[in-house]
Amino acid sequence: MTDFHSEQERIEAAKLDPSEFGRLYEDNFARIYSYIIFRVRNRATAEDLTSEVFSEALAGISRFEWHGVPFWGWLLKIASRTIADHFRRVIVETDSPTPELPSIPDDPERNATLYQLVDRLPQAQRQVIRMRFVEQKSIREIAVALGRSEGAVKQLQFRAVETLRSQLEDCHA
């Protein structure tokens, strides 16, 4: 109970003086960053989104109302919305007919590595990659076949392509 009371005091202090927000940031950074990186799986993106979350929290601290729930619960709501906005932007940016897979057609060794990396993807991502790039199916066809929304398929495709690109760069760095 003392923890919540001191947290409530820190929140009230931050409402009066934004420079006091630093303690709330320090207390909650690791939890929010972990939450975000688990979902986006990219360090730079996670750092950017975590920064957005805390910027929004600082800007909106005066509207925060204490209801006995830990402050990080409010931060998680902001983080969830920030992550959703991020993936909406990504989906819009990658809404091309067929995005490029990180491959060089004339390099059999690199392609063999790519196929091995595809086999290591989580099952849903692997299915989407195979249906999209091997079977040449549209996002809509894949969504119907998998019983998922088109947005979910685009998100799976994006994550898979980013993972493959990153792993290929690591293999050939």
N, C-alpha and C. Protein backbone atom coordinates (compact mmCIF):
# COMPACT_ATOMS: atom_id res chain seq x y z
N MET A 1 0.83 -1.21 0.00
CA MET A 1 0.00 0.00 0.00
C MET A 1 0.86 1.26 0.00
N THR A 2 1.99 1.18 0.71
CA THR A 2 2.89 2.32 0.75
C THR A 2 3.40 2.65 -0.65
N ASP A 3 3.67 1.61 -1.46
CA ASP A 3 4.13 1.81 -2.83
C ASP A 3 3.14 2.65 -3.63
N PHE A 4 1.86 2.27 -3.55
CA PHE A 4 0.85 3.00 -4.31
C PHE A 4 0.75 4.44 -3.80
N HIS A 5 0.84 4.60 -2.47
CA HIS A 5 0.74 5.94 -1.90
C HIS A 5 1.89 6.82 -2.40
N SER A 6 3.12 6.29 -2.38
CA SER A 6 4.25 7.10 -2.85
C SER A 6 4.14 7.33 -4.36
N GLU A 7 3.61 6.36 -5.09
CA GLU A 7 3.41 6.55 -6.52
C GLU A 7 2.39 7.66 -6.76
N GLN A 8 1.33 7.65 -5.99
CA GLN A 8 0.31 8.69 -6.13
C GLN A 8 0.92 10.06 -5.83
N GLU A 9 1.78 10.13 -4.84
CA GLU A 9 2.44 11.39 -4.52
C GLU A 9 3.34 11.84 -5.68
N ARG A 10 4.06 10.89 -6.30
CA ARG A 10 4.92 11.23 -7.44
C ARG A 10 4.08 11.74 -8.62
N ILE A 11 2.93 11.14 -8.81
CA ILE A 11 2.04 11.58 -9.90
C ILE A 11 1.56 13.00 -9.64
N GLU A 12 1.12 13.26 -8.42
CA GLU A 12 0.64 14.60 -8.07
C GLU A 12 1.77 15.62 -8.20
N ALA A 13 2.99 15.25 -7.82
CA ALA A 13 4.13 16.16 -7.95
C ALA A 13 4.40 16.45 -9.43
N ALA A 14 4.29 15.42 -10.28
CA ALA A 14 4.53 15.60 -11.71
C ALA A 14 3.46 16.47 -12.35
N LYS A 15 2.25 16.41 -11.81
CA LYS A 15 1.18 17.27 -12.34
C LYS A 15 1.49 18.74 -12.08
N LEU A 16 2.10 19.00 -10.93
CA LEU A 16 2.43 20.38 -10.57
C LEU A 16 3.73 20.85 -11.21
N ASP A 17 4.68 19.93 -11.38
CA ASP A 17 5.99 20.28 -11.92
C ASP A 17 6.46 19.16 -12.85
N PRO A 18 6.40 19.38 -14.16
CA PRO A 18 6.77 18.33 -15.11
C PRO A 18 8.18 17.76 -14.90
N SER A 19 9.06 18.50 -14.28
CA SER A 19 10.41 17.97 -14.04
C SER A 19 10.38 16.80 -13.06
N GLU A 20 9.29 16.65 -12.32
CA GLU A 20 9.14 15.55 -11.38
C GLU A 20 8.73 14.25 -12.08
N PHE A 21 8.43 14.34 -13.36
CA PHE A 21 7.99 13.17 -14.12
C PHE A 21 9.12 12.14 -14.26
N GLY A 22 10.35 12.59 -14.14
CA GLY A 22 11.51 11.72 -14.30
C GLY A 22 11.47 10.48 -13.42
N ARG A 23 11.00 10.62 -12.21
CA ARG A 23 10.93 9.46 -11.29
C ARG A 23 9.91 8.45 -11.79
N LEU A 24 8.78 8.92 -12.29
CA LEU A 24 7.77 8.02 -12.86
C LEU A 24 8.34 7.31 -14.08
N TYR A 25 9.10 8.04 -14.87
CA TYR A 25 9.76 7.46 -16.04
C TYR A 25 10.72 6.35 -15.61
N GLU A 26 11.58 6.65 -14.65
CA GLU A 26 12.55 5.67 -14.17
C GLU A 26 11.87 4.44 -13.59
N ASP A 27 10.80 4.64 -12.83
CA ASP A 27 10.08 3.53 -12.21
C ASP A 27 9.40 2.62 -13.22
N ASN A 28 9.04 3.14 -14.38
CA ASN A 28 8.21 2.40 -15.32
C ASN A 28 8.85 2.10 -16.67
N PHE A 29 10.03 2.66 -16.93
CA PHE A 29 10.65 2.50 -18.24
C PHE A 29 10.82 1.03 -18.63
N ALA A 30 11.43 0.24 -17.78
CA ALA A 30 11.74 -1.16 -18.12
C ALA A 30 10.48 -1.95 -18.45
N ARG A 31 9.45 -1.76 -17.68
CA ARG A 31 8.20 -2.49 -17.91
C ARG A 31 7.58 -2.10 -19.26
N ILE A 32 7.54 -0.82 -19.56
CA ILE A 32 6.93 -0.36 -20.81
C ILE A 32 7.80 -0.76 -22.00
N TYR A 33 9.09 -0.60 -21.89
CA TYR A 33 9.99 -0.99 -22.98
C TYR A 33 9.86 -2.49 -23.26
N SER A 34 9.83 -3.30 -22.21
CA SER A 34 9.69 -4.75 -22.38
C SER A 34 8.38 -5.10 -23.06
N TYR A 35 7.33 -4.45 -22.66
CA TYR A 35 6.02 -4.67 -23.26
C TYR A 35 6.07 -4.37 -24.76
N ILE A 36 6.69 -3.26 -25.11
CA ILE A 36 6.74 -2.84 -26.52
C ILE A 36 7.68 -3.72 -27.33
N ILE A 37 8.87 -3.99 -26.83
CA ILE A 37 9.82 -4.77 -27.65
C ILE A 37 9.31 -6.18 -27.88
N PHE A 38 8.58 -6.73 -26.94
CA PHE A 38 8.00 -8.06 -27.13
C PHE A 38 7.03 -8.07 -28.30
N ARG A 39 6.38 -6.95 -28.54
CA ARG A 39 5.39 -6.87 -29.61
C ARG A 39 5.97 -6.44 -30.96
N VAL A 40 6.94 -5.57 -30.95
CA VAL A 40 7.48 -5.07 -32.24
C VAL A 40 8.76 -5.79 -32.66
N ARG A 41 9.47 -6.38 -31.71
CA ARG A 41 10.67 -7.18 -31.98
C ARG A 41 11.74 -6.46 -32.79
N ASN A 42 11.87 -5.18 -32.52
CA ASN A 42 12.91 -4.39 -33.19
C ASN A 42 13.34 -3.32 -32.20
N ARG A 43 14.64 -3.34 -31.84
CA ARG A 43 15.13 -2.45 -30.78
C ARG A 43 14.91 -0.98 -31.08
N ALA A 44 15.26 -0.56 -32.28
CA ALA A 44 15.13 0.86 -32.63
C ALA A 44 13.67 1.29 -32.60
N THR A 45 12.79 0.46 -33.14
CA THR A 45 11.36 0.78 -33.12
C THR A 45 10.84 0.82 -31.69
N ALA A 46 11.26 -0.15 -30.89
CA ALA A 46 10.81 -0.18 -29.49
C ALA A 46 11.27 1.06 -28.73
N GLU A 47 12.49 1.49 -28.99
CA GLU A 47 12.99 2.70 -28.34
C GLU A 47 12.17 3.92 -28.76
N ASP A 48 11.89 4.03 -30.05
CA ASP A 48 11.09 5.15 -30.55
C ASP A 48 9.69 5.14 -29.95
N LEU A 49 9.06 3.97 -29.94
CA LEU A 49 7.69 3.89 -29.43
C LEU A 49 7.64 4.12 -27.93
N THR A 50 8.64 3.65 -27.22
CA THR A 50 8.70 3.89 -25.77
C THR A 50 8.82 5.38 -25.50
N SER A 51 9.62 6.04 -26.29
CA SER A 51 9.76 7.49 -26.18
C SER A 51 8.42 8.18 -26.43
N GLU A 52 7.70 7.72 -27.46
CA GLU A 52 6.38 8.29 -27.76
C GLU A 52 5.43 8.11 -26.58
N VAL A 53 5.46 6.92 -25.98
CA VAL A 53 4.57 6.64 -24.84
C VAL A 53 4.83 7.61 -23.71
N PHE A 54 6.09 7.78 -23.35
CA PHE A 54 6.40 8.66 -22.22
C PHE A 54 6.18 10.13 -22.57
N SER A 55 6.38 10.50 -23.81
CA SER A 55 6.07 11.88 -24.23
C SER A 55 4.58 12.14 -24.10
N GLU A 56 3.78 11.18 -24.56
CA GLU A 56 2.32 11.33 -24.45
C GLU A 56 1.88 11.34 -22.99
N ALA A 57 2.50 10.49 -22.18
CA ALA A 57 2.15 10.45 -20.76
C ALA A 57 2.49 11.77 -20.07
N LEU A 58 3.66 12.31 -20.37
CA LEU A 58 4.05 13.59 -19.79
C LEU A 58 3.08 14.68 -20.23
N ALA A 59 2.74 14.69 -21.51
CA ALA A 59 1.81 15.70 -22.02
C ALA A 59 0.42 15.57 -21.39
N GLY A 60 0.04 14.34 -21.05
CA GLY A 60 -1.31 14.12 -20.52
C GLY A 60 -1.38 13.87 -19.03
N ILE A 61 -0.28 14.04 -18.32
CA ILE A 61 -0.26 13.73 -16.88
C ILE A 61 -1.31 14.51 -16.10
N SER A 62 -1.61 15.71 -16.54
CA SER A 62 -2.60 16.52 -15.81
C SER A 62 -4.00 15.89 -15.88
N ARG A 63 -4.24 15.05 -16.88
CA ARG A 63 -5.55 14.40 -17.02
C ARG A 63 -5.63 13.07 -16.29
N PHE A 64 -4.48 12.58 -15.81
CA PHE A 64 -4.46 11.29 -15.13
C PHE A 64 -5.22 11.41 -13.81
N GLU A 65 -6.11 10.46 -13.58
CA GLU A 65 -6.85 10.43 -12.32
C GLU A 65 -6.49 9.16 -11.57
N TRP A 66 -6.14 9.33 -10.31
CA TRP A 66 -5.75 8.20 -9.48
C TRP A 66 -6.98 7.43 -9.04
N HIS A 67 -6.97 6.11 -9.33
CA HIS A 67 -8.07 5.24 -8.90
C HIS A 67 -7.52 4.02 -8.16
N GLY A 68 -6.30 4.14 -7.65
CA GLY A 68 -5.70 3.04 -6.91
C GLY A 68 -5.04 2.00 -7.81
N VAL A 69 -5.12 2.18 -9.10
CA VAL A 69 -4.49 1.26 -10.06
C VAL A 69 -3.08 1.78 -10.34
N PRO A 70 -2.10 0.90 -10.43
CA PRO A 70 -0.73 1.37 -10.68
C PRO A 70 -0.65 2.24 -11.94
N PHE A 71 0.24 3.20 -11.89
CA PHE A 71 0.45 4.14 -12.98
C PHE A 71 0.80 3.42 -14.28
N TRP A 72 1.55 2.31 -14.18
CA TRP A 72 1.96 1.60 -15.38
C TRP A 72 0.77 1.05 -16.15
N GLY A 73 -0.37 0.85 -15.48
CA GLY A 73 -1.57 0.41 -16.20
C GLY A 73 -2.00 1.45 -17.22
N TRP A 74 -1.93 2.71 -16.82
CA TRP A 74 -2.25 3.82 -17.73
C TRP A 74 -1.23 3.88 -18.86
N LEU A 75 0.04 3.68 -18.50
CA LEU A 75 1.09 3.69 -19.50
C LEU A 75 0.91 2.56 -20.51
N LEU A 76 0.46 1.39 -20.04
CA LEU A 76 0.23 0.27 -20.95
C LEU A 76 -0.89 0.57 -21.95
N LYS A 77 -1.89 1.30 -21.50
CA LYS A 77 -2.96 1.69 -22.44
C LYS A 77 -2.39 2.60 -23.53
N ILE A 78 -1.55 3.54 -23.11
CA ILE A 78 -0.92 4.43 -24.09
C ILE A 78 -0.01 3.60 -25.01
N ALA A 79 0.74 2.67 -24.44
CA ALA A 79 1.65 1.84 -25.24
C ALA A 79 0.87 1.00 -26.25
N SER A 80 -0.23 0.43 -25.83
CA SER A 80 -1.05 -0.39 -26.73
C SER A 80 -1.53 0.44 -27.92
N ARG A 81 -2.00 1.61 -27.63
CA ARG A 81 -2.49 2.51 -28.69
C ARG A 81 -1.33 2.93 -29.61
N THR A 82 -0.18 3.21 -29.02
CA THR A 82 1.00 3.61 -29.79
C THR A 82 1.47 2.48 -30.71
N ILE A 83 1.47 1.27 -30.21
CA ILE A 83 1.87 0.10 -31.01
C ILE A 83 0.87 -0.10 -32.15
N ALA A 84 -0.42 -0.01 -31.84
CA ALA A 84 -1.45 -0.18 -32.87
C ALA A 84 -1.28 0.88 -33.96
N ASP A 85 -1.04 2.13 -33.55
CA ASP A 85 -0.81 3.20 -34.53
C ASP A 85 0.41 2.91 -35.39
N HIS A 86 1.46 2.41 -34.75
CA HIS A 86 2.68 2.07 -35.48
C HIS A 86 2.39 1.02 -36.56
N PHE A 87 1.69 -0.05 -36.19
CA PHE A 87 1.42 -1.10 -37.15
C PHE A 87 0.45 -0.63 -38.24
N ARG A 88 -0.46 0.27 -37.91
CA ARG A 88 -1.32 0.84 -38.95
C ARG A 88 -0.48 1.59 -39.98
N ARG A 89 0.48 2.37 -39.49
CA ARG A 89 1.37 3.10 -40.40
C ARG A 89 2.19 2.14 -41.25
N VAL A 90 2.69 1.08 -40.62
CA VAL A 90 3.50 0.09 -41.33
C VAL A 90 2.67 -0.60 -42.40
N ILE A 91 1.46 -0.97 -42.07
CA ILE A 91 0.58 -1.65 -43.02
C ILE A 91 0.30 -0.75 -44.21
N VAL A 92 0.04 0.51 -43.95
CA VAL A 92 -0.21 1.45 -45.04
C VAL A 92 1.04 1.58 -45.92
N GLU A 93 2.22 1.66 -45.28
CA GLU A 93 3.47 1.79 -46.02
C GLU A 93 3.80 0.54 -46.82
N THR A 94 3.42 -0.64 -46.32
CA THR A 94 3.76 -1.89 -47.01
C THR A 94 2.59 -2.45 -47.79
N ASP A 95 1.61 -1.63 -48.08
CA ASP A 95 0.41 -2.10 -48.77
C ASP A 95 0.63 -2.13 -50.29
N SER A 96 1.79 -2.64 -50.67
CA SER A 96 2.07 -2.78 -52.09
C SER A 96 1.58 -4.16 -52.52
N PRO A 97 1.41 -4.39 -53.82
CA PRO A 97 0.92 -5.69 -54.27
C PRO A 97 1.76 -6.85 -53.75
N THR A 98 3.07 -6.79 -53.87
CA THR A 98 3.94 -7.84 -53.38
C THR A 98 5.24 -7.22 -52.93
N PRO A 99 5.44 -7.08 -51.61
CA PRO A 99 6.69 -6.52 -51.14
C PRO A 99 7.86 -7.44 -51.48
N GLU A 100 9.02 -6.86 -51.54
CA GLU A 100 10.21 -7.62 -51.90
C GLU A 100 10.71 -8.42 -50.70
N LEU A 101 10.96 -9.68 -50.92
CA LEU A 101 11.64 -10.49 -49.92
C LEU A 101 13.13 -10.19 -50.03
N PRO A 102 13.85 -10.23 -48.93
CA PRO A 102 15.27 -9.94 -48.97
C PRO A 102 16.03 -11.09 -49.62
N SER A 103 16.09 -11.12 -50.93
CA SER A 103 16.72 -12.22 -51.64
C SER A 103 17.46 -11.70 -52.86
N ILE A 104 18.48 -12.42 -53.23
CA ILE A 104 19.19 -12.11 -54.47
C ILE A 104 19.07 -13.35 -55.35
N PRO A 105 18.29 -13.29 -56.45
CA PRO A 105 18.02 -14.47 -57.26
C PRO A 105 19.26 -15.20 -57.75
N ASP A 106 20.36 -14.51 -58.03
CA ASP A 106 21.54 -15.14 -58.59
C ASP A 106 22.50 -15.66 -57.52
N ASP A 107 22.09 -15.70 -56.27
CA ASP A 107 22.96 -16.15 -55.20
C ASP A 107 22.36 -17.38 -54.52
N PRO A 108 22.67 -18.57 -55.01
CA PRO A 108 22.06 -19.79 -54.46
C PRO A 108 22.33 -19.98 -52.97
N GLU A 109 23.52 -19.61 -52.52
CA GLU A 109 23.86 -19.77 -51.11
C GLU A 109 22.96 -18.89 -50.23
N ARG A 110 22.81 -17.66 -50.66
CA ARG A 110 21.95 -16.74 -49.91
C ARG A 110 20.50 -17.21 -49.93
N ASN A 111 20.04 -17.71 -51.07
CA ASN A 111 18.67 -18.22 -51.15
C ASN A 111 18.48 -19.45 -50.27
N ALA A 112 19.48 -20.32 -50.20
CA ALA A 112 19.39 -21.49 -49.33
C ALA A 112 19.29 -21.05 -47.88
N THR A 113 20.07 -20.03 -47.53
CA THR A 113 19.99 -19.48 -46.18
C THR A 113 18.61 -18.90 -45.92
N LEU A 114 18.08 -18.19 -46.90
CA LEU A 114 16.74 -17.61 -46.76
C LEU A 114 15.70 -18.70 -46.52
N TYR A 115 15.76 -19.78 -47.28
CA TYR A 115 14.79 -20.86 -47.09
C TYR A 115 14.91 -21.48 -45.71
N GLN A 116 16.13 -21.62 -45.20
CA GLN A 116 16.32 -22.15 -43.85
C GLN A 116 15.74 -21.19 -42.81
N LEU A 117 15.95 -19.90 -43.03
CA LEU A 117 15.41 -18.91 -42.09
C LEU A 117 13.89 -18.89 -42.11
N VAL A 118 13.30 -19.06 -43.28
CA VAL A 118 11.84 -19.12 -43.38
C VAL A 118 11.32 -20.29 -42.56
N ASP A 119 12.02 -21.43 -42.61
CA ASP A 119 11.60 -22.61 -41.85
C ASP A 119 11.65 -22.37 -40.34
N ARG A 120 12.44 -21.40 -39.90
CA ARG A 120 12.56 -21.10 -38.47
C ARG A 120 11.53 -20.09 -37.97
N LEU A 121 10.81 -19.46 -38.90
CA LEU A 121 9.80 -18.47 -38.51
C LEU A 121 8.68 -19.14 -37.72
N PRO A 122 7.98 -18.38 -36.88
CA PRO A 122 6.78 -18.92 -36.24
C PRO A 122 5.81 -19.42 -37.31
N GLN A 123 5.03 -20.43 -36.99
CA GLN A 123 4.19 -21.09 -37.97
C GLN A 123 3.31 -20.14 -38.77
N ALA A 124 2.63 -19.21 -38.11
CA ALA A 124 1.72 -18.30 -38.82
C ALA A 124 2.48 -17.42 -39.82
N GLN A 125 3.65 -16.93 -39.42
CA GLN A 125 4.46 -16.10 -40.32
C GLN A 125 4.96 -16.95 -41.50
N ARG A 126 5.39 -18.17 -41.20
CA ARG A 126 5.87 -19.07 -42.24
C ARG A 126 4.77 -19.36 -43.27
N GLN A 127 3.55 -19.60 -42.78
CA GLN A 127 2.42 -19.85 -43.69
C GLN A 127 2.17 -18.65 -44.59
N VAL A 128 2.15 -17.47 -44.00
CA VAL A 128 1.88 -16.27 -44.79
C VAL A 128 2.97 -16.07 -45.84
N ILE A 129 4.23 -16.25 -45.48
CA ILE A 129 5.33 -16.06 -46.43
C ILE A 129 5.21 -17.07 -47.57
N ARG A 130 4.95 -18.31 -47.24
CA ARG A 130 4.85 -19.32 -48.30
C ARG A 130 3.65 -19.06 -49.22
N MET A 131 2.51 -18.72 -48.63
CA MET A 131 1.31 -18.47 -49.44
C MET A 131 1.51 -17.22 -50.31
N ARG A 132 2.16 -16.22 -49.76
CA ARG A 132 2.31 -14.94 -50.46
C ARG A 132 3.37 -15.01 -51.56
N PHE A 133 4.51 -15.59 -51.24
CA PHE A 133 5.64 -15.52 -52.16
C PHE A 133 5.85 -16.79 -52.98
N VAL A 134 5.45 -17.93 -52.48
CA VAL A 134 5.59 -19.17 -53.24
C VAL A 134 4.33 -19.42 -54.06
N GLU A 135 3.17 -19.34 -53.37
CA GLU A 135 1.90 -19.60 -54.05
C GLU A 135 1.34 -18.35 -54.73
N GLN A 136 1.97 -17.20 -54.51
CA GLN A 136 1.57 -15.93 -55.13
C GLN A 136 0.11 -15.55 -54.84
N LYS A 137 -0.35 -15.82 -53.61
CA LYS A 137 -1.72 -15.48 -53.24
C LYS A 137 -1.79 -14.03 -52.78
N SER A 138 -2.97 -13.44 -52.93
CA SER A 138 -3.18 -12.07 -52.47
C SER A 138 -3.39 -12.07 -50.96
N ILE A 139 -3.27 -10.89 -50.37
CA ILE A 139 -3.53 -10.73 -48.94
C ILE A 139 -4.93 -11.24 -48.62
N ARG A 140 -5.90 -10.86 -49.43
CA ARG A 140 -7.30 -11.26 -49.20
C ARG A 140 -7.43 -12.79 -49.23
N GLU A 141 -6.81 -13.44 -50.21
CA GLU A 141 -6.89 -14.90 -50.31
C GLU A 141 -6.26 -15.57 -49.08
N ILE A 142 -5.16 -15.05 -48.64
CA ILE A 142 -4.49 -15.61 -47.46
C ILE A 142 -5.37 -15.42 -46.23
N ALA A 143 -5.94 -14.23 -46.09
CA ALA A 143 -6.80 -13.94 -44.94
C ALA A 143 -7.97 -14.93 -44.89
N VAL A 144 -8.59 -15.17 -46.01
CA VAL A 144 -9.72 -16.11 -46.07
C VAL A 144 -9.24 -17.51 -45.72
N ALA A 145 -8.13 -17.93 -46.32
CA ALA A 145 -7.61 -19.28 -46.08
C ALA A 145 -7.23 -19.52 -44.63
N LEU A 146 -6.70 -18.49 -43.97
CA LEU A 146 -6.25 -18.63 -42.59
C LEU A 146 -7.31 -18.22 -41.56
N GLY A 147 -8.42 -17.65 -42.06
CA GLY A 147 -9.45 -17.20 -41.14
C GLY A 147 -9.00 -16.01 -40.30
N ARG A 148 -8.23 -15.12 -40.89
CA ARG A 148 -7.72 -13.93 -40.21
C ARG A 148 -8.13 -12.70 -41.00
N SER A 149 -7.99 -11.55 -40.36
CA SER A 149 -8.28 -10.30 -41.07
C SER A 149 -7.12 -9.99 -42.02
N GLU A 150 -7.39 -9.15 -43.01
CA GLU A 150 -6.34 -8.73 -43.93
C GLU A 150 -5.24 -7.98 -43.18
N GLY A 151 -5.64 -7.17 -42.21
CA GLY A 151 -4.65 -6.43 -41.41
C GLY A 151 -3.74 -7.38 -40.64
N ALA A 152 -4.30 -8.46 -40.10
CA ALA A 152 -3.48 -9.43 -39.37
C ALA A 152 -2.49 -10.12 -40.31
N VAL A 153 -2.94 -10.43 -41.52
CA VAL A 153 -2.06 -11.06 -42.51
C VAL A 153 -0.93 -10.10 -42.89
N LYS A 154 -1.27 -8.84 -43.11
CA LYS A 154 -0.25 -7.85 -43.46
C LYS A 154 0.77 -7.71 -42.34
N GLN A 155 0.27 -7.73 -41.10
CA GLN A 155 1.16 -7.61 -39.95
C GLN A 155 2.09 -8.82 -39.85
N LEU A 156 1.54 -10.02 -40.05
CA LEU A 156 2.37 -11.23 -40.04
C LEU A 156 3.42 -11.18 -41.14
N GLN A 157 3.01 -10.74 -42.32
CA GLN A 157 3.93 -10.63 -43.44
C GLN A 157 5.04 -9.62 -43.13
N PHE A 158 4.66 -8.48 -42.60
CA PHE A 158 5.65 -7.46 -42.27
C PHE A 158 6.66 -7.99 -41.26
N ARG A 159 6.16 -8.59 -40.19
CA ARG A 159 7.06 -9.11 -39.15
C ARG A 159 8.00 -10.17 -39.72
N ALA A 160 7.46 -11.05 -40.55
CA ALA A 160 8.27 -12.11 -41.13
C ALA A 160 9.36 -11.52 -42.03
N VAL A 161 8.99 -10.60 -42.90
CA VAL A 161 9.95 -10.01 -43.82
C VAL A 161 11.03 -9.25 -43.04
N GLU A 162 10.63 -8.51 -42.02
CA GLU A 162 11.61 -7.78 -41.20
C GLU A 162 12.55 -8.74 -40.49
N THR A 163 12.00 -9.83 -39.95
CA THR A 163 12.83 -10.83 -39.27
C THR A 163 13.82 -11.44 -40.25
N LEU A 164 13.33 -11.82 -41.43
CA LEU A 164 14.20 -12.42 -42.44
C LEU A 164 15.28 -11.45 -42.89
N ARG A 165 14.89 -10.21 -43.11
CA ARG A 165 15.87 -9.20 -43.54
C ARG A 165 16.97 -9.04 -42.49
N SER A 166 16.58 -8.94 -41.24
CA SER A 166 17.51 -8.76 -40.15
C SER A 166 18.44 -9.98 -40.02
N GLN A 167 17.86 -11.17 -40.10
CA GLN A 167 18.67 -12.38 -39.95
C GLN A 167 19.63 -12.57 -41.14
N LEU A 168 19.18 -12.20 -42.33
CA LEU A 168 20.07 -12.28 -43.49
C LEU A 168 21.24 -11.32 -43.35
N GLU A 169 20.94 -10.12 -42.85
CA GLU A 169 22.01 -9.15 -42.65
C GLU A 169 23.02 -9.67 -41.63
N ASP A 170 22.51 -10.32 -40.56
CA ASP A 170 23.40 -10.89 -39.54
C ASP A 170 24.27 -12.01 -40.12
N CYS A 171 23.67 -12.84 -40.99
CA CYS A 171 24.40 -13.97 -41.60
C CYS A 171 25.51 -13.49 -42.52
N HIS A 172 25.29 -12.39 -43.20
CA HIS A 172 26.23 -11.92 -44.22
C HIS A 172 26.97 -10.66 -43.80
N ALA A 173 26.96 -10.38 -42.52
CA ALA A 173 27.64 -9.17 -42.03
C ALA A 173 29.11 -9.42 -41.80
